[in-house]
All heavy atoms as atom14 arrays in JSON, in Angstrom:
{
  "sequence": "DTRGIPDGLHRFRIEARDYKNNPAGEERIGDAVSGFQTIDNTMPEIIR",
  "atom14_mask": [
    [1, 1, 1, 1, 1, 1, 1, 1, 0, 0, 0, 0, 0, 0],
    [1, 1, 1, 1, 1, 1, 1, 0, 0, 0, 0, 0, 0, 0],
    [1, 1, 1, 1, 1, 1, 1, 1, 1, 1, 1, 0, 0, 0],
    [1, 1, 1, 1, 0, 0, 0, 0, 0, 0, 0, 0, 0, 0],
    [1, 1, 1, 1, 1, 1, 1, 1, 0, 0, 0, 0, 0, 0],
    [1, 1, 1, 1, 1, 1, 1, 0, 0, 0, 0, 0, 0, 0],
    [1, 1, 1, 1, 1, 1, 1, 1, 0, 0, 0, 0, 0, 0],
    [1, 1, 1, 1, 0, 0, 0, 0, 0, 0, 0, 0, 0, 0],
    [1, 1, 1, 1, 1, 1, 1, 1, 0, 0, 0, 0, 0, 0],
    [1, 1, 1, 1, 1, 1, 1, 1, 1, 1, 0, 0, 0, 0],
    [1, 1, 1, 1, 1, 1, 1, 1, 1, 1, 1, 0, 0, 0],
    [1, 1, 1, 1, 1, 1, 1, 1, 1, 1, 1, 0, 0, 0],
    [1, 1, 1, 1, 1, 1, 1, 1, 1, 1, 1, 0, 0, 0],
    [1, 1, 1, 1, 1, 1, 1, 1, 0, 0, 0, 0, 0, 0],
    [1, 1, 1, 1, 1, 1, 1, 1, 1, 0, 0, 0, 0, 0],
    [1, 1, 1, 1, 1, 0, 0, 0, 0, 0, 0, 0, 0, 0],
    [1, 1, 1, 1, 1, 1, 1, 1, 1, 1, 1, 0, 0, 0],
    [1, 1, 1, 1, 1, 1, 1, 1, 0, 0, 0, 0, 0, 0],
    [1, 1, 1, 1, 1, 1, 1, 1, 1, 1, 1, 1, 0, 0],
    [1, 1, 1, 1, 1, 1, 1, 1, 1, 0, 0, 0, 0, 0],
    [1, 1, 1, 1, 1, 1, 1, 1, 0, 0, 0, 0, 0, 0],
    [1, 1, 1, 1, 1, 1, 1, 1, 0, 0, 0, 0, 0, 0],
    [1, 1, 1, 1, 1, 1, 1, 0, 0, 0, 0, 0, 0, 0],
    [1, 1, 1, 1, 1, 0, 0, 0, 0, 0, 0, 0, 0, 0],
    [1, 1, 1, 1, 0, 0, 0, 0, 0, 0, 0, 0, 0, 0],
    [1, 1, 1, 1, 1, 1, 1, 1, 1, 0, 0, 0, 0, 0],
    [1, 1, 1, 1, 1, 1, 1, 1, 1, 0, 0, 0, 0, 0],
    [1, 1, 1, 1, 1, 1, 1, 1, 1, 1, 1, 0, 0, 0],
    [1, 1, 1, 1, 1, 1, 1, 1, 0, 0, 0, 0, 0, 0],
    [1, 1, 1, 1, 0, 0, 0, 0, 0, 0, 0, 0, 0, 0],
    [1, 1, 1, 1, 1, 1, 1, 1, 0, 0, 0, 0, 0, 0],
    [1, 1, 1, 1, 1, 0, 0, 0, 0, 0, 0, 0, 0, 0],
    [1, 1, 1, 1, 1, 1, 1, 0, 0, 0, 0, 0, 0, 0],
    [1, 1, 1, 1, 1, 1, 0, 0, 0, 0, 0, 0, 0, 0],
    [1, 1, 1, 1, 0, 0, 0, 0, 0, 0, 0, 0, 0, 0],
    [1, 1, 1, 1, 1, 1, 1, 1, 1, 1, 1, 0, 0, 0],
    [1, 1, 1, 1, 1, 1, 1, 1, 1, 0, 0, 0, 0, 0],
    [1, 1, 1, 1, 1, 1, 1, 0, 0, 0, 0, 0, 0, 0],
    [1, 1, 1, 1, 1, 1, 1, 1, 0, 0, 0, 0, 0, 0],
    [1, 1, 1, 1, 1, 1, 1, 1, 0, 0, 0, 0, 0, 0],
    [1, 1, 1, 1, 1, 1, 1, 1, 0, 0, 0, 0, 0, 0],
    [1, 1, 1, 1, 1, 1, 1, 0, 0, 0, 0, 0, 0, 0],
    [1, 1, 1, 1, 1, 1, 1, 1, 0, 0, 0, 0, 0, 0],
    [1, 1, 1, 1, 1, 1, 1, 0, 0, 0, 0, 0, 0, 0],
    [1, 1, 1, 1, 1, 1, 1, 1, 1, 0, 0, 0, 0, 0],
    [1, 1, 1, 1, 1, 1, 1, 1, 0, 0, 0, 0, 0, 0],
    [1, 1, 1, 1, 1, 1, 1, 1, 0, 0, 0, 0, 0, 0],
    [1, 1, 1, 1, 1, 1, 1, 1, 1, 1, 1, 0, 0, 0]
  ],
  "atom14_positions": [
    [[2.84, -4.28, 165.71], [4.27, -4.06, 165.51], [4.74, -5.1, 164.5], [4.79, -6.29, 164.81], [5.01, -4.2, 166.83], [6.5, -3.95, 166.72], [7.0, -3.74, 165.59], [7.18, -3.96, 167.76], [0.0, 0.0, 0.0], [0.0, 0.0, 0.0], [0.0, 0.0, 0.0], [0.0, 0.0, 0.0], [0.0, 0.0, 0.0], [0.0, 0.0, 0.0]],
    [[5.09, -4.68, 163.3], [5.44, -5.62, 162.23], [6.9, -6.07, 162.26], [7.29, -6.9, 161.45], [5.16, -5.01, 160.85], [6.01, -3.89, 160.64], [3.7, -4.62, 160.71], [0.0, 0.0, 0.0], [0.0, 0.0, 0.0], [0.0, 0.0, 0.0], [0.0, 0.0, 0.0], [0.0, 0.0, 0.0], [0.0, 0.0, 0.0], [0.0, 0.0, 0.0]],
    [[7.7, -5.55, 163.19], [9.14, -5.89, 163.2], [9.41, -7.38, 163.36], [10.43, -7.87, 162.9], [9.86, -5.09, 164.27], [9.96, -3.61, 163.93], [10.63, -2.84, 165.0], [9.73, -2.79, 166.17], [9.96, -2.1, 167.26], [11.09, -1.41, 167.37], [9.09, -2.09, 168.25], [0.0, 0.0, 0.0], [0.0, 0.0, 0.0], [0.0, 0.0, 0.0]],
    [[8.52, -8.13, 163.97], [8.72, -9.56, 164.14], [8.06, -10.41, 163.07], [8.08, -11.63, 163.12], [0.0, 0.0, 0.0], [0.0, 0.0, 0.0], [0.0, 0.0, 0.0], [0.0, 0.0, 0.0], [0.0, 0.0, 0.0], [0.0, 0.0, 0.0], [0.0, 0.0, 0.0], [0.0, 0.0, 0.0], [0.0, 0.0, 0.0], [0.0, 0.0, 0.0]],
    [[7.48, -9.76, 162.07], [6.78, -10.46, 161.0], [7.66, -10.46, 159.76], [8.18, -9.41, 159.37], [5.43, -9.78, 160.7], [4.54, -9.82, 161.95], [4.73, -10.46, 159.53], [3.26, -9.03, 161.82], [0.0, 0.0, 0.0], [0.0, 0.0, 0.0], [0.0, 0.0, 0.0], [0.0, 0.0, 0.0], [0.0, 0.0, 0.0], [0.0, 0.0, 0.0]],
    [[7.88, -11.62, 159.13], [8.72, -11.65, 157.93], [8.14, -10.81, 156.8], [6.92, -10.7, 156.67], [8.77, -13.12, 157.53], [7.97, -13.88, 158.51], [7.34, -12.92, 159.47], [0.0, 0.0, 0.0], [0.0, 0.0, 0.0], [0.0, 0.0, 0.0], [0.0, 0.0, 0.0], [0.0, 0.0, 0.0], [0.0, 0.0, 0.0], [0.0, 0.0, 0.0]],
    [[9.0, -10.22, 156.0], [8.56, -9.45, 154.83], [7.75, -10.34, 153.9], [7.98, -11.54, 153.81], [9.76, -8.9, 154.06], [10.48, -7.79, 154.81], [9.96, -7.33, 155.84], [11.55, -7.37, 154.35], [0.0, 0.0, 0.0], [0.0, 0.0, 0.0], [0.0, 0.0, 0.0], [0.0, 0.0, 0.0], [0.0, 0.0, 0.0], [0.0, 0.0, 0.0]],
    [[6.82, -9.73, 153.2], [6.03, -10.45, 152.21], [4.56, -10.1, 152.32], [4.17, -9.16, 153.01], [0.0, 0.0, 0.0], [0.0, 0.0, 0.0], [0.0, 0.0, 0.0], [0.0, 0.0, 0.0], [0.0, 0.0, 0.0], [0.0, 0.0, 0.0], [0.0, 0.0, 0.0], [0.0, 0.0, 0.0], [0.0, 0.0, 0.0], [0.0, 0.0, 0.0]],
    [[3.75, -10.86, 151.61], [2.3, -10.66, 151.62], [1.66, -11.46, 152.74], [1.97, -12.65, 152.92], [1.69, -11.09, 150.28], [2.06, -10.24, 149.07], [1.49, -10.86, 147.8], [1.54, -8.82, 149.24], [0.0, 0.0, 0.0], [0.0, 0.0, 0.0], [0.0, 0.0, 0.0], [0.0, 0.0, 0.0], [0.0, 0.0, 0.0], [0.0, 0.0, 0.0]],
    [[0.81, -10.81, 153.49], [0.11, -11.44, 154.6], [-1.35, -10.98, 154.59], [-1.65, -9.9, 154.11], [0.72, -11.03, 155.94], [2.12, -11.46, 156.14], [3.18, -10.86, 155.5], [2.65, -12.45, 156.87], [4.31, -11.44, 155.86], [4.01, -12.41, 156.7], [0.0, 0.0, 0.0], [0.0, 0.0, 0.0], [0.0, 0.0, 0.0], [0.0, 0.0, 0.0]],
    [[-2.21, -11.8, 155.16], [-3.57, -11.34, 155.39], [-3.9, -11.57, 156.86], [-3.24, -12.35, 157.55], [-4.58, -12.0, 154.46], [-4.71, -13.48, 154.57], [-5.68, -13.97, 153.52], [-5.76, -15.42, 153.59], [-6.7, -16.12, 153.02], [-7.64, -15.52, 152.33], [-6.71, -17.43, 153.1], [0.0, 0.0, 0.0], [0.0, 0.0, 0.0], [0.0, 0.0, 0.0]],
    [[-4.91, -10.87, 157.31], [-5.28, -10.89, 158.71], [-6.71, -11.38, 158.88], [-7.55, -11.17, 158.01], [-5.16, -9.48, 159.3], [-3.75, -8.96, 159.24], [-3.3, -8.26, 158.14], [-2.87, -9.2, 160.28], [-2.01, -7.79, 158.07], [-1.56, -8.74, 160.22], [-1.13, -8.04, 159.11], [0.0, 0.0, 0.0], [0.0, 0.0, 0.0], [0.0, 0.0, 0.0]],
    [[-6.96, -12.06, 160.01], [-8.31, -12.51, 160.35], [-8.58, -12.08, 161.78], [-7.74, -12.27, 162.67], [-8.42, -14.03, 160.24], [-9.84, -14.53, 160.48], [-9.95, -16.04, 160.36], [-9.64, -16.64, 161.64], [-8.84, -17.68, 161.81], [-8.24, -18.25, 160.8], [-8.62, -18.17, 163.02], [0.0, 0.0, 0.0], [0.0, 0.0, 0.0], [0.0, 0.0, 0.0]],
    [[-9.73, -11.49, 162.0], [-10.17, -11.14, 163.35], [-11.36, -12.02, 163.7], [-12.23, -12.23, 162.86], [-10.52, -9.63, 163.47], [-10.88, -9.25, 164.89], [-11.63, -9.23, 162.54], [-9.72, -8.99, 165.78], [0.0, 0.0, 0.0], [0.0, 0.0, 0.0], [0.0, 0.0, 0.0], [0.0, 0.0, 0.0], [0.0, 0.0, 0.0], [0.0, 0.0, 0.0]],
    [[-11.35, -12.57, 164.88], [-12.48, -13.36, 165.37], [-13.11, -12.65, 166.56], [-12.4, -12.1, 167.4], [-12.03, -14.74, 165.83], [-11.65, -15.67, 164.72], [-11.31, -17.07, 165.21], [-11.3, -17.32, 166.43], [-11.04, -17.92, 164.36], [0.0, 0.0, 0.0], [0.0, 0.0, 0.0], [0.0, 0.0, 0.0], [0.0, 0.0, 0.0], [0.0, 0.0, 0.0]],
    [[-14.42, -12.66, 166.62], [-15.18, -12.14, 167.75], [-15.96, -13.32, 168.33], [-16.67, -14.01, 167.6], [-16.12, -11.03, 167.32], [0.0, 0.0, 0.0], [0.0, 0.0, 0.0], [0.0, 0.0, 0.0], [0.0, 0.0, 0.0], [0.0, 0.0, 0.0], [0.0, 0.0, 0.0], [0.0, 0.0, 0.0], [0.0, 0.0, 0.0], [0.0, 0.0, 0.0]],
    [[-15.8, -13.54, 169.63], [-16.46, -14.68, 170.3], [-17.28, -14.17, 171.48], [-16.87, -13.24, 172.16], [-15.42, -15.66, 170.81], [-14.51, -16.2, 169.74], [-13.52, -17.19, 170.37], [-12.54, -17.58, 169.39], [-11.24, -17.31, 169.47], [-10.77, -16.66, 170.5], [-10.42, -17.7, 168.53], [0.0, 0.0, 0.0], [0.0, 0.0, 0.0], [0.0, 0.0, 0.0]],
    [[-18.39, -14.86, 171.74], [-19.21, -14.5, 172.9], [-19.25, -15.6, 173.96], [-20.18, -15.72, 174.72], [-20.63, -14.12, 172.46], [-21.42, -15.29, 171.89], [-20.86, -16.4, 171.76], [-22.61, -15.1, 171.59], [0.0, 0.0, 0.0], [0.0, 0.0, 0.0], [0.0, 0.0, 0.0], [0.0, 0.0, 0.0], [0.0, 0.0, 0.0], [0.0, 0.0, 0.0]],
    [[-18.18, -16.39, 174.04], [-18.16, -17.56, 174.91], [-18.23, -17.23, 176.41], [-18.64, -18.07, 177.21], [-16.95, -18.45, 174.62], [-15.63, -17.89, 175.08], [-15.17, -18.15, 176.36], [-14.84, -17.13, 174.24], [-13.96, -17.65, 176.79], [-13.64, -16.63, 174.66], [-13.19, -16.89, 175.94], [-12.0, -16.38, 176.36], [0.0, 0.0, 0.0], [0.0, 0.0, 0.0]],
    [[-17.86, -16.04, 176.81], [-17.87, -15.72, 178.24], [-19.28, -15.61, 178.81], [-19.47, -15.72, 180.01], [-17.09, -14.43, 178.5], [-15.61, -14.61, 178.31], [-14.84, -13.41, 178.78], [-13.36, -13.72, 178.69], [-12.56, -12.72, 179.39], [0.0, 0.0, 0.0], [0.0, 0.0, 0.0], [0.0, 0.0, 0.0], [0.0, 0.0, 0.0], [0.0, 0.0, 0.0]],
    [[-20.28, -15.41, 177.96], [-21.66, -15.27, 178.43], [-22.55, -16.44, 178.04], [-23.75, -16.36, 178.21], [-22.28, -13.99, 177.86], [-21.6, -12.75, 178.38], [-20.8, -12.15, 177.68], [-21.89, -12.37, 179.61], [0.0, 0.0, 0.0], [0.0, 0.0, 0.0], [0.0, 0.0, 0.0], [0.0, 0.0, 0.0], [0.0, 0.0, 0.0], [0.0, 0.0, 0.0]],
    [[-21.95, -17.51, 177.5], [-22.76, -18.63, 177.03], [-22.15, -19.96, 177.47], [-20.93, -20.09, 177.53], [-22.84, -18.6, 175.5], [-23.62, -17.41, 175.01], [-24.83, -17.35, 175.16], [-22.92, -16.43, 174.46], [0.0, 0.0, 0.0], [0.0, 0.0, 0.0], [0.0, 0.0, 0.0], [0.0, 0.0, 0.0], [0.0, 0.0, 0.0], [0.0, 0.0, 0.0]],
    [[-23.0, -20.96, 177.74], [-22.47, -22.28, 178.08], [-21.77, -22.92, 176.89], [-22.03, -22.57, 175.73], [-23.72, -23.09, 178.47], [-24.9, -22.25, 178.14], [-24.44, -20.89, 177.77], [0.0, 0.0, 0.0], [0.0, 0.0, 0.0], [0.0, 0.0, 0.0], [0.0, 0.0, 0.0], [0.0, 0.0, 0.0], [0.0, 0.0, 0.0], [0.0, 0.0, 0.0]],
    [[-20.87, -23.84, 177.18], [-20.13, -24.55, 176.12], [-21.11, -25.15, 175.11], [-22.12, -25.73, 175.48], [-19.26, -25.64, 176.72], [0.0, 0.0, 0.0], [0.0, 0.0, 0.0], [0.0, 0.0, 0.0], [0.0, 0.0, 0.0], [0.0, 0.0, 0.0], [0.0, 0.0, 0.0], [0.0, 0.0, 0.0], [0.0, 0.0, 0.0], [0.0, 0.0, 0.0]],
    [[-20.8, -24.95, 173.85], [-21.65, -25.45, 172.78], [-22.66, -24.44, 172.28], [-23.25, -24.62, 171.22], [0.0, 0.0, 0.0], [0.0, 0.0, 0.0], [0.0, 0.0, 0.0], [0.0, 0.0, 0.0], [0.0, 0.0, 0.0], [0.0, 0.0, 0.0], [0.0, 0.0, 0.0], [0.0, 0.0, 0.0], [0.0, 0.0, 0.0], [0.0, 0.0, 0.0]],
    [[-22.91, -23.38, 173.04], [-23.86, -22.36, 172.63], [-23.2, -21.03, 172.27], [-23.87, -20.07, 171.91], [-24.91, -22.13, 173.73], [-25.81, -23.34, 173.92], [-26.89, -23.08, 174.95], [-27.29, -21.92, 175.11], [-27.33, -24.05, 175.57], [0.0, 0.0, 0.0], [0.0, 0.0, 0.0], [0.0, 0.0, 0.0], [0.0, 0.0, 0.0], [0.0, 0.0, 0.0]],
    [[-21.87, -20.98, 172.38], [-21.15, -19.76, 172.03], [-21.14, -19.58, 170.51], [-21.32, -20.54, 169.77], [-19.71, -19.8, 172.57], [-18.84, -20.85, 171.92], [-18.92, -22.23, 172.54], [-19.81, -22.5, 173.37], [-18.1, -23.07, 172.16], [0.0, 0.0, 0.0], [0.0, 0.0, 0.0], [0.0, 0.0, 0.0], [0.0, 0.0, 0.0], [0.0, 0.0, 0.0]],
    [[-20.94, -18.36, 170.09], [-20.91, -18.04, 168.66], [-19.58, -17.37, 168.34], [-18.99, -16.67, 169.17], [-22.05, -17.09, 168.29], [-23.42, -17.67, 168.53], [-23.77, -18.7, 167.46], [-25.11, -19.18, 167.63], [-25.41, -20.4, 168.03], [-24.47, -21.26, 168.32], [-26.67, -20.77, 168.15], [0.0, 0.0, 0.0], [0.0, 0.0, 0.0], [0.0, 0.0, 0.0]],
    [[-19.12, -17.58, 167.1], [-17.88, -16.97, 166.62], [-18.18, -16.3, 165.28], [-18.77, -16.92, 164.4], [-16.75, -18.01, 166.43], [-16.42, -18.7, 167.74], [-15.51, -17.34, 165.84], [-15.42, -19.84, 167.6], [0.0, 0.0, 0.0], [0.0, 0.0, 0.0], [0.0, 0.0, 0.0], [0.0, 0.0, 0.0], [0.0, 0.0, 0.0], [0.0, 0.0, 0.0]],
    [[-17.78, -15.05, 165.15], [-17.85, -14.34, 163.88], [-16.43, -13.96, 163.48], [-15.57, -13.79, 164.34], [0.0, 0.0, 0.0], [0.0, 0.0, 0.0], [0.0, 0.0, 0.0], [0.0, 0.0, 0.0], [0.0, 0.0, 0.0], [0.0, 0.0, 0.0], [0.0, 0.0, 0.0], [0.0, 0.0, 0.0], [0.0, 0.0, 0.0], [0.0, 0.0, 0.0]],
    [[-16.18, -13.89, 162.19], [-14.83, -13.51, 161.77], [-14.88, -12.7, 160.48], [-15.89, -12.65, 159.8], [-13.91, -14.72, 161.61], [-14.26, -15.61, 160.42], [-15.39, -15.51, 159.9], [-13.41, -16.4, 160.0], [0.0, 0.0, 0.0], [0.0, 0.0, 0.0], [0.0, 0.0, 0.0], [0.0, 0.0, 0.0], [0.0, 0.0, 0.0], [0.0, 0.0, 0.0]],
    [[-13.77, -12.03, 160.22], [-13.6, -11.26, 158.99], [-12.15, -11.42, 158.57], [-11.25, -11.47, 159.41], [-13.93, -9.79, 159.22], [0.0, 0.0, 0.0], [0.0, 0.0, 0.0], [0.0, 0.0, 0.0], [0.0, 0.0, 0.0], [0.0, 0.0, 0.0], [0.0, 0.0, 0.0], [0.0, 0.0, 0.0], [0.0, 0.0, 0.0], [0.0, 0.0, 0.0]],
    [[-11.92, -11.52, 157.26], [-10.58, -11.73, 156.71], [-10.25, -10.58, 155.77], [-11.07, -10.2, 154.92], [-10.49, -13.08, 155.95], [-9.12, -13.27, 155.34], [-10.83, -14.24, 156.88], [0.0, 0.0, 0.0], [0.0, 0.0, 0.0], [0.0, 0.0, 0.0], [0.0, 0.0, 0.0], [0.0, 0.0, 0.0], [0.0, 0.0, 0.0], [0.0, 0.0, 0.0]],
    [[-9.05, -10.04, 155.92], [-8.6, -8.94, 155.06], [-8.08, -9.48, 153.74], [-7.84, -10.68, 153.6], [-7.48, -8.16, 155.75], [-6.27, -8.9, 155.71], [0.0, 0.0, 0.0], [0.0, 0.0, 0.0], [0.0, 0.0, 0.0], [0.0, 0.0, 0.0], [0.0, 0.0, 0.0], [0.0, 0.0, 0.0], [0.0, 0.0, 0.0], [0.0, 0.0, 0.0]],
    [[-7.86, -8.59, 152.8], [-7.11, -8.93, 151.61], [-5.63, -9.0, 151.98], [-5.24, -8.71, 153.12], [0.0, 0.0, 0.0], [0.0, 0.0, 0.0], [0.0, 0.0, 0.0], [0.0, 0.0, 0.0], [0.0, 0.0, 0.0], [0.0, 0.0, 0.0], [0.0, 0.0, 0.0], [0.0, 0.0, 0.0], [0.0, 0.0, 0.0], [0.0, 0.0, 0.0]],
    [[-4.79, -9.36, 151.03], [-3.36, -9.44, 151.31], [-2.75, -8.05, 151.45], [-3.09, -7.14, 150.68], [-2.64, -10.25, 150.23], [-2.83, -11.73, 150.39], [-3.77, -12.39, 149.64], [-2.09, -12.43, 151.32], [-3.97, -13.76, 149.8], [-2.28, -13.8, 151.5], [-3.22, -14.46, 150.74], [0.0, 0.0, 0.0], [0.0, 0.0, 0.0], [0.0, 0.0, 0.0]],
    [[-1.89, -7.91, 152.43], [-1.19, -6.66, 152.74], [0.31, -6.92, 152.65], [0.77, -7.98, 153.04], [-1.53, -6.18, 154.16], [-3.01, -6.09, 154.45], [-3.71, -5.06, 153.6], [-3.18, -3.97, 153.39], [-4.88, -5.39, 153.1], [0.0, 0.0, 0.0], [0.0, 0.0, 0.0], [0.0, 0.0, 0.0], [0.0, 0.0, 0.0], [0.0, 0.0, 0.0]],
    [[1.07, -5.95, 152.15], [2.53, -6.09, 152.07], [3.16, -5.63, 153.36], [2.88, -4.53, 153.84], [3.09, -5.24, 150.91], [2.49, -5.69, 149.7], [4.6, -5.38, 150.82], [0.0, 0.0, 0.0], [0.0, 0.0, 0.0], [0.0, 0.0, 0.0], [0.0, 0.0, 0.0], [0.0, 0.0, 0.0], [0.0, 0.0, 0.0], [0.0, 0.0, 0.0]],
    [[4.0, -6.47, 153.92], [4.81, -6.09, 155.07], [6.25, -6.01, 154.59], [6.77, -6.96, 154.0], [4.65, -7.09, 156.23], [3.22, -7.01, 156.75], [5.68, -6.81, 157.32], [2.91, -7.84, 157.94], [0.0, 0.0, 0.0], [0.0, 0.0, 0.0], [0.0, 0.0, 0.0], [0.0, 0.0, 0.0], [0.0, 0.0, 0.0], [0.0, 0.0, 0.0]],
    [[6.86, -4.87, 154.81], [8.24, -4.63, 154.36], [9.0, -3.9, 155.46], [8.82, -2.7, 155.66], [8.23, -3.8, 153.07], [9.62, -3.54, 152.51], [10.61, -4.04, 153.1], [9.72, -2.83, 151.51], [0.0, 0.0, 0.0], [0.0, 0.0, 0.0], [0.0, 0.0, 0.0], [0.0, 0.0, 0.0], [0.0, 0.0, 0.0], [0.0, 0.0, 0.0]],
    [[9.83, -4.63, 156.18], [10.64, -4.07, 157.25], [12.07, -3.8, 156.81], [12.93, -3.51, 157.64], [10.65, -5.01, 158.46], [9.28, -5.09, 159.1], [8.71, -4.08, 159.47], [8.74, -6.29, 159.21], [0.0, 0.0, 0.0], [0.0, 0.0, 0.0], [0.0, 0.0, 0.0], [0.0, 0.0, 0.0], [0.0, 0.0, 0.0], [0.0, 0.0, 0.0]],
    [[12.35, -3.92, 155.52], [13.7, -3.71, 155.01], [14.11, -2.25, 155.19], [13.36, -1.33, 154.85], [13.78, -4.07, 153.51], [13.29, -5.4, 153.35], [15.19, -3.97, 152.99], [0.0, 0.0, 0.0], [0.0, 0.0, 0.0], [0.0, 0.0, 0.0], [0.0, 0.0, 0.0], [0.0, 0.0, 0.0], [0.0, 0.0, 0.0], [0.0, 0.0, 0.0]],
    [[15.29, -2.04, 155.74], [15.79, -0.69, 155.94], [16.09, -0.07, 154.58], [16.53, -0.76, 153.65], [17.08, -0.71, 156.78], [16.86, -1.19, 158.2], [15.8, -0.09, 159.16], [16.84, 1.33, 159.3], [0.0, 0.0, 0.0], [0.0, 0.0, 0.0], [0.0, 0.0, 0.0], [0.0, 0.0, 0.0], [0.0, 0.0, 0.0], [0.0, 0.0, 0.0]],
    [[15.9, 1.25, 154.44], [16.25, 1.92, 153.19], [17.75, 1.77, 152.92], [18.56, 1.71, 153.84], [15.9, 3.39, 153.45], [14.97, 3.37, 154.6], [15.31, 2.16, 155.41], [0.0, 0.0, 0.0], [0.0, 0.0, 0.0], [0.0, 0.0, 0.0], [0.0, 0.0, 0.0], [0.0, 0.0, 0.0], [0.0, 0.0, 0.0], [0.0, 0.0, 0.0]],
    [[18.1, 1.72, 151.66], [19.49, 1.55, 151.26], [19.87, 2.66, 150.28], [19.15, 2.92, 149.33], [19.65, 0.18, 150.58], [21.04, -0.15, 150.17], [21.12, -1.52, 149.51], [20.23, -2.38, 149.77], [22.05, -1.72, 148.72], [0.0, 0.0, 0.0], [0.0, 0.0, 0.0], [0.0, 0.0, 0.0], [0.0, 0.0, 0.0], [0.0, 0.0, 0.0]],
    [[21.01, 3.31, 150.54], [21.52, 4.33, 149.63], [22.35, 3.61, 148.57], [23.35, 2.97, 148.89], [22.36, 5.37, 150.38], [21.49, 6.07, 151.4], [22.99, 6.35, 149.39], [22.24, 7.02, 152.31], [0.0, 0.0, 0.0], [0.0, 0.0, 0.0], [0.0, 0.0, 0.0], [0.0, 0.0, 0.0], [0.0, 0.0, 0.0], [0.0, 0.0, 0.0]],
    [[21.92, 3.7, 147.34], [22.6, 2.99, 146.25], [23.67, 3.87, 145.62], [24.74, 3.41, 145.27], [21.56, 2.52, 145.22], [20.63, 1.52, 145.89], [22.25, 1.88, 144.03], [19.47, 1.09, 145.03], [0.0, 0.0, 0.0], [0.0, 0.0, 0.0], [0.0, 0.0, 0.0], [0.0, 0.0, 0.0], [0.0, 0.0, 0.0], [0.0, 0.0, 0.0]],
    [[23.39, 5.14, 145.5], [24.35, 6.04, 144.85], [24.42, 7.34, 145.65], [23.38, 7.94, 145.96], [23.92, 6.33, 143.43], [24.87, 7.19, 142.68], [24.44, 7.35, 141.25], [25.31, 8.35, 140.63], [25.01, 8.98, 139.54], [23.87, 8.73, 138.92], [25.83, 9.86, 139.03], [0.0, 0.0, 0.0], [0.0, 0.0, 0.0], [0.0, 0.0, 0.0]]
  ]
}
C-alpha cells in the first residue's frame, strides 16, 4: 500500500533468512535489490 510512502523514486530490497533452522552465527541471508520505481500518490487534477 503506497499511500503512506512519500512521492518520488524509491527502490526495494528483499531479504531471505534461514535463521529459524540454524544456530546463531550459522544463519545465512540472501537479498535482492530492485531498480528505482516511481511512487506517485498525487490525486489527478482537472486543469481546464
